[in-house]
Amino acid sequence: MSRTDENGGYAFKTVRPAAYPAAPGRWRPAHIHFQVTSKYEQLVTQMYFKGDKYNESDAWLNSASRKELLITDPAPVAGKEPGAQEVTFDIIITRG
């Protein structure tokens, strides 16, 4: 669990997840799950990675009305460990 800062920002460090089999002949692309709650609302969503070969066939991603908002484009980070990347994934919860 993590909390946002006073401006609503958040950050975390993780390894990049891998794709995994969801059913015979069907794979889920690499993604990270988020469950976000505010005082009044809750959102469950997933963040995907640009270029994943399974994005186009993923039922969950392709059921999103604005799937482009769920796909991130990792960029190298200078001054961090070799291979480190960062993404921006804005999550906005509005009251009902």
N, C-alpha and C. Protein backbone atom coordinates (compact mmCIF):
# COMPACT_ATOMS: atom_id res chain seq x y z
N MET A 1 0.85 -1.16 0.00
CA MET A 1 0.00 0.00 0.00
C MET A 1 0.90 1.23 0.00
N SER A 2 0.41 2.23 -0.67
CA SER A 2 1.15 3.47 -0.79
C SER A 2 0.17 4.63 -0.70
N ARG A 3 0.64 5.76 -0.27
CA ARG A 3 -0.20 6.97 -0.22
C ARG A 3 0.41 8.03 -1.12
N THR A 4 -0.44 8.88 -1.65
CA THR A 4 0.07 9.98 -2.47
C THR A 4 0.64 11.07 -1.57
N ASP A 5 1.44 11.93 -2.19
CA ASP A 5 1.94 13.07 -1.43
C ASP A 5 0.87 14.16 -1.40
N GLU A 6 1.22 15.32 -0.86
CA GLU A 6 0.23 16.39 -0.69
C GLU A 6 -0.31 16.93 -2.02
N ASN A 7 0.41 16.64 -3.12
CA ASN A 7 -0.05 17.08 -4.44
C ASN A 7 -0.71 15.96 -5.24
N GLY A 8 -0.88 14.81 -4.61
CA GLY A 8 -1.50 13.67 -5.29
C GLY A 8 -0.52 12.83 -6.08
N GLY A 9 0.78 13.12 -5.96
CA GLY A 9 1.79 12.37 -6.68
C GLY A 9 2.16 11.07 -5.97
N TYR A 10 2.67 10.14 -6.74
CA TYR A 10 3.12 8.88 -6.16
C TYR A 10 4.30 8.36 -6.97
N ALA A 11 5.08 7.48 -6.38
CA ALA A 11 6.19 6.84 -7.07
C ALA A 11 6.46 5.52 -6.37
N PHE A 12 6.93 4.56 -7.13
CA PHE A 12 7.37 3.30 -6.55
C PHE A 12 8.39 2.66 -7.48
N LYS A 13 9.15 1.73 -6.94
CA LYS A 13 10.16 1.02 -7.69
C LYS A 13 9.75 -0.44 -7.75
N THR A 14 9.85 -1.04 -8.93
CA THR A 14 9.49 -2.44 -9.11
C THR A 14 10.30 -3.03 -10.25
N VAL A 15 10.23 -4.31 -10.42
CA VAL A 15 10.78 -4.93 -11.62
C VAL A 15 9.70 -4.91 -12.68
N ARG A 16 10.11 -4.90 -13.92
CA ARG A 16 9.12 -4.93 -15.00
C ARG A 16 8.50 -6.32 -15.03
N PRO A 17 7.18 -6.40 -14.99
CA PRO A 17 6.54 -7.72 -14.97
C PRO A 17 6.67 -8.40 -16.33
N ALA A 18 6.40 -9.67 -16.34
CA ALA A 18 6.46 -10.46 -17.58
C ALA A 18 5.05 -10.84 -18.01
N ALA A 19 4.91 -11.13 -19.28
CA ALA A 19 3.65 -11.68 -19.78
C ALA A 19 3.47 -13.07 -19.17
N TYR A 20 2.22 -13.53 -19.10
CA TYR A 20 1.96 -14.86 -18.56
C TYR A 20 0.76 -15.49 -19.26
N PRO A 21 0.71 -16.84 -19.28
CA PRO A 21 -0.42 -17.50 -19.94
C PRO A 21 -1.70 -17.33 -19.14
N ALA A 22 -2.78 -16.95 -19.84
CA ALA A 22 -4.08 -16.76 -19.19
C ALA A 22 -4.98 -17.96 -19.45
N ALA A 23 -4.78 -18.62 -20.56
CA ALA A 23 -5.56 -19.80 -20.96
C ALA A 23 -4.77 -20.46 -22.08
N PRO A 24 -5.12 -21.67 -22.45
CA PRO A 24 -4.40 -22.30 -23.56
C PRO A 24 -4.42 -21.41 -24.81
N GLY A 25 -3.24 -21.07 -25.28
CA GLY A 25 -3.11 -20.25 -26.47
C GLY A 25 -3.37 -18.77 -26.28
N ARG A 26 -3.55 -18.33 -25.04
CA ARG A 26 -3.83 -16.90 -24.78
C ARG A 26 -2.91 -16.40 -23.67
N TRP A 27 -2.27 -15.27 -23.94
CA TRP A 27 -1.33 -14.68 -22.98
C TRP A 27 -1.79 -13.30 -22.56
N ARG A 28 -1.54 -12.96 -21.31
CA ARG A 28 -1.73 -11.59 -20.81
C ARG A 28 -0.42 -10.84 -21.03
N PRO A 29 -0.49 -9.61 -21.51
CA PRO A 29 0.74 -8.82 -21.64
C PRO A 29 1.26 -8.40 -20.27
N ALA A 30 2.49 -7.95 -20.24
CA ALA A 30 3.04 -7.40 -18.99
C ALA A 30 2.18 -6.23 -18.55
N HIS A 31 1.82 -6.20 -17.28
CA HIS A 31 0.99 -5.11 -16.76
C HIS A 31 1.13 -5.05 -15.25
N ILE A 32 0.72 -3.94 -14.68
CA ILE A 32 0.72 -3.75 -13.23
C ILE A 32 -0.68 -3.36 -12.81
N HIS A 33 -1.19 -4.02 -11.79
CA HIS A 33 -2.53 -3.73 -11.26
C HIS A 33 -2.47 -2.58 -10.26
N PHE A 34 -3.49 -1.75 -10.28
CA PHE A 34 -3.65 -0.66 -9.32
C PHE A 34 -5.06 -0.72 -8.73
N GLN A 35 -5.14 -0.58 -7.44
CA GLN A 35 -6.42 -0.36 -6.77
C GLN A 35 -6.27 0.96 -6.03
N VAL A 36 -7.04 1.95 -6.46
CA VAL A 36 -6.90 3.31 -5.94
C VAL A 36 -8.20 3.69 -5.24
N THR A 37 -8.06 4.21 -4.04
CA THR A 37 -9.26 4.62 -3.30
C THR A 37 -9.11 6.06 -2.84
N SER A 38 -10.22 6.73 -2.83
CA SER A 38 -10.29 8.06 -2.24
C SER A 38 -11.35 7.99 -1.15
N LYS A 39 -11.66 9.11 -0.58
CA LYS A 39 -12.67 9.12 0.48
C LYS A 39 -14.01 8.62 -0.03
N TYR A 40 -14.30 8.87 -1.31
CA TYR A 40 -15.63 8.57 -1.83
C TYR A 40 -15.67 7.53 -2.94
N GLU A 41 -14.56 7.27 -3.59
CA GLU A 41 -14.56 6.42 -4.78
C GLU A 41 -13.44 5.38 -4.72
N GLN A 42 -13.57 4.36 -5.58
CA GLN A 42 -12.53 3.34 -5.74
C GLN A 42 -12.37 3.05 -7.22
N LEU A 43 -11.15 2.83 -7.66
CA LEU A 43 -10.86 2.49 -9.05
C LEU A 43 -9.88 1.32 -9.06
N VAL A 44 -10.18 0.32 -9.86
CA VAL A 44 -9.25 -0.78 -10.11
C VAL A 44 -8.88 -0.69 -11.58
N THR A 45 -7.59 -0.66 -11.88
CA THR A 45 -7.15 -0.52 -13.26
C THR A 45 -5.83 -1.26 -13.45
N GLN A 46 -5.34 -1.25 -14.67
CA GLN A 46 -4.08 -1.89 -15.01
C GLN A 46 -3.27 -0.96 -15.89
N MET A 47 -1.96 -0.98 -15.73
CA MET A 47 -1.03 -0.20 -16.54
C MET A 47 -0.25 -1.16 -17.43
N TYR A 48 -0.22 -0.87 -18.72
CA TYR A 48 0.45 -1.72 -19.70
C TYR A 48 1.67 -1.02 -20.27
N PHE A 49 2.47 -1.75 -21.05
CA PHE A 49 3.71 -1.22 -21.60
C PHE A 49 3.66 -1.20 -23.13
N LYS A 50 4.00 -0.06 -23.70
CA LYS A 50 4.03 0.10 -25.15
C LYS A 50 4.96 -0.95 -25.76
N GLY A 51 4.51 -1.51 -26.88
CA GLY A 51 5.35 -2.46 -27.61
C GLY A 51 5.20 -3.90 -27.18
N ASP A 52 4.43 -4.18 -26.14
CA ASP A 52 4.25 -5.58 -25.73
C ASP A 52 3.48 -6.32 -26.82
N LYS A 53 4.01 -7.44 -27.26
CA LYS A 53 3.39 -8.15 -28.39
C LYS A 53 2.01 -8.71 -28.07
N TYR A 54 1.64 -8.77 -26.79
CA TYR A 54 0.33 -9.31 -26.43
C TYR A 54 -0.72 -8.22 -26.20
N ASN A 55 -0.36 -6.96 -26.29
CA ASN A 55 -1.33 -5.88 -26.07
C ASN A 55 -2.52 -5.98 -27.02
N GLU A 56 -2.26 -6.21 -28.29
CA GLU A 56 -3.34 -6.20 -29.28
C GLU A 56 -4.35 -7.32 -29.10
N SER A 57 -3.95 -8.40 -28.44
CA SER A 57 -4.88 -9.53 -28.27
C SER A 57 -5.44 -9.62 -26.85
N ASP A 58 -5.12 -8.67 -25.99
CA ASP A 58 -5.57 -8.74 -24.60
C ASP A 58 -7.01 -8.24 -24.46
N ALA A 59 -7.89 -9.12 -24.01
CA ALA A 59 -9.31 -8.78 -23.89
C ALA A 59 -9.55 -7.64 -22.91
N TRP A 60 -8.83 -7.61 -21.80
CA TRP A 60 -9.04 -6.57 -20.79
C TRP A 60 -8.61 -5.21 -21.33
N LEU A 61 -7.42 -5.15 -21.91
CA LEU A 61 -6.94 -3.88 -22.46
C LEU A 61 -7.86 -3.39 -23.58
N ASN A 62 -8.24 -4.28 -24.45
CA ASN A 62 -9.04 -3.88 -25.60
C ASN A 62 -10.50 -3.61 -25.27
N SER A 63 -10.92 -3.91 -24.05
CA SER A 63 -12.28 -3.55 -23.64
C SER A 63 -12.35 -2.12 -23.08
N ALA A 64 -11.19 -1.51 -22.86
CA ALA A 64 -11.15 -0.14 -22.33
C ALA A 64 -11.59 0.85 -23.41
N SER A 65 -12.39 1.81 -23.01
CA SER A 65 -12.87 2.80 -23.98
C SER A 65 -11.74 3.72 -24.46
N ARG A 66 -10.73 3.94 -23.61
CA ARG A 66 -9.59 4.79 -23.98
C ARG A 66 -8.30 4.06 -23.63
N LYS A 67 -8.06 2.95 -24.31
CA LYS A 67 -6.92 2.10 -23.95
C LYS A 67 -5.59 2.82 -24.05
N GLU A 68 -5.51 3.87 -24.87
CA GLU A 68 -4.25 4.61 -24.99
C GLU A 68 -3.84 5.23 -23.66
N LEU A 69 -4.79 5.46 -22.77
CA LEU A 69 -4.47 6.02 -21.45
C LEU A 69 -3.85 4.98 -20.52
N LEU A 70 -3.98 3.71 -20.87
CA LEU A 70 -3.47 2.63 -20.02
C LEU A 70 -2.10 2.13 -20.45
N ILE A 71 -1.62 2.58 -21.60
CA ILE A 71 -0.35 2.09 -22.14
C ILE A 71 0.74 3.13 -21.90
N THR A 72 1.78 2.72 -21.18
CA THR A 72 2.89 3.61 -20.86
C THR A 72 4.06 3.35 -21.80
N ASP A 73 4.96 4.31 -21.88
CA ASP A 73 6.13 4.22 -22.75
C ASP A 73 7.38 4.41 -21.88
N PRO A 74 7.95 3.32 -21.37
CA PRO A 74 9.11 3.44 -20.48
C PRO A 74 10.27 4.18 -21.14
N ALA A 75 10.92 5.03 -20.35
CA ALA A 75 12.07 5.80 -20.84
C ALA A 75 13.26 5.56 -19.90
N PRO A 76 14.47 5.52 -20.45
CA PRO A 76 15.65 5.36 -19.61
C PRO A 76 15.78 6.49 -18.60
N VAL A 77 16.38 6.17 -17.46
CA VAL A 77 16.58 7.15 -16.40
C VAL A 77 18.08 7.32 -16.17
N ALA A 78 18.58 8.52 -16.36
CA ALA A 78 19.99 8.80 -16.13
C ALA A 78 20.28 8.81 -14.64
N GLY A 79 21.45 8.30 -14.28
CA GLY A 79 21.88 8.36 -12.89
C GLY A 79 21.32 7.26 -12.01
N LYS A 80 20.61 6.32 -12.58
CA LYS A 80 20.07 5.18 -11.82
C LYS A 80 20.83 3.93 -12.23
N GLU A 81 20.45 2.79 -11.69
CA GLU A 81 21.13 1.55 -12.04
C GLU A 81 20.95 1.26 -13.54
N PRO A 82 21.89 0.51 -14.12
CA PRO A 82 21.81 0.20 -15.56
C PRO A 82 20.47 -0.46 -15.91
N GLY A 83 19.87 0.00 -16.98
CA GLY A 83 18.60 -0.57 -17.43
C GLY A 83 17.37 0.03 -16.77
N ALA A 84 17.57 0.93 -15.81
CA ALA A 84 16.41 1.53 -15.13
C ALA A 84 15.59 2.35 -16.11
N GLN A 85 14.29 2.26 -15.95
CA GLN A 85 13.36 3.02 -16.79
C GLN A 85 12.31 3.64 -15.89
N GLU A 86 11.63 4.66 -16.41
CA GLU A 86 10.52 5.25 -15.66
C GLU A 86 9.35 5.50 -16.59
N VAL A 87 8.18 5.54 -16.01
CA VAL A 87 6.97 5.86 -16.76
C VAL A 87 6.16 6.86 -15.95
N THR A 88 5.27 7.53 -16.63
CA THR A 88 4.28 8.37 -15.97
C THR A 88 2.92 7.73 -16.21
N PHE A 89 2.18 7.51 -15.13
CA PHE A 89 0.85 6.90 -15.22
C PHE A 89 -0.07 7.70 -14.31
N ASP A 90 -0.76 8.66 -14.90
CA ASP A 90 -1.66 9.52 -14.13
C ASP A 90 -2.98 8.81 -13.88
N ILE A 91 -3.42 8.85 -12.64
CA ILE A 91 -4.70 8.26 -12.24
C ILE A 91 -5.53 9.39 -11.63
N ILE A 92 -6.72 9.58 -12.17
CA ILE A 92 -7.59 10.65 -11.69
C ILE A 92 -8.91 10.03 -11.23
N ILE A 93 -9.27 10.30 -9.99
CA ILE A 93 -10.55 9.84 -9.47
C ILE A 93 -11.41 11.08 -9.23
N THR A 94 -12.58 11.07 -9.82
CA THR A 94 -13.51 12.17 -9.58
C THR A 94 -14.67 11.67 -8.74
N ARG A 95 -15.23 12.53 -7.98
CA ARG A 95 -16.34 12.14 -7.11
C ARG A 95 -17.61 11.96 -7.93
N GLY A 96 -18.16 10.72 -7.85
CA GLY A 96 -19.39 10.27 -8.45
C GLY A 96 -20.00 11.10 -9.45
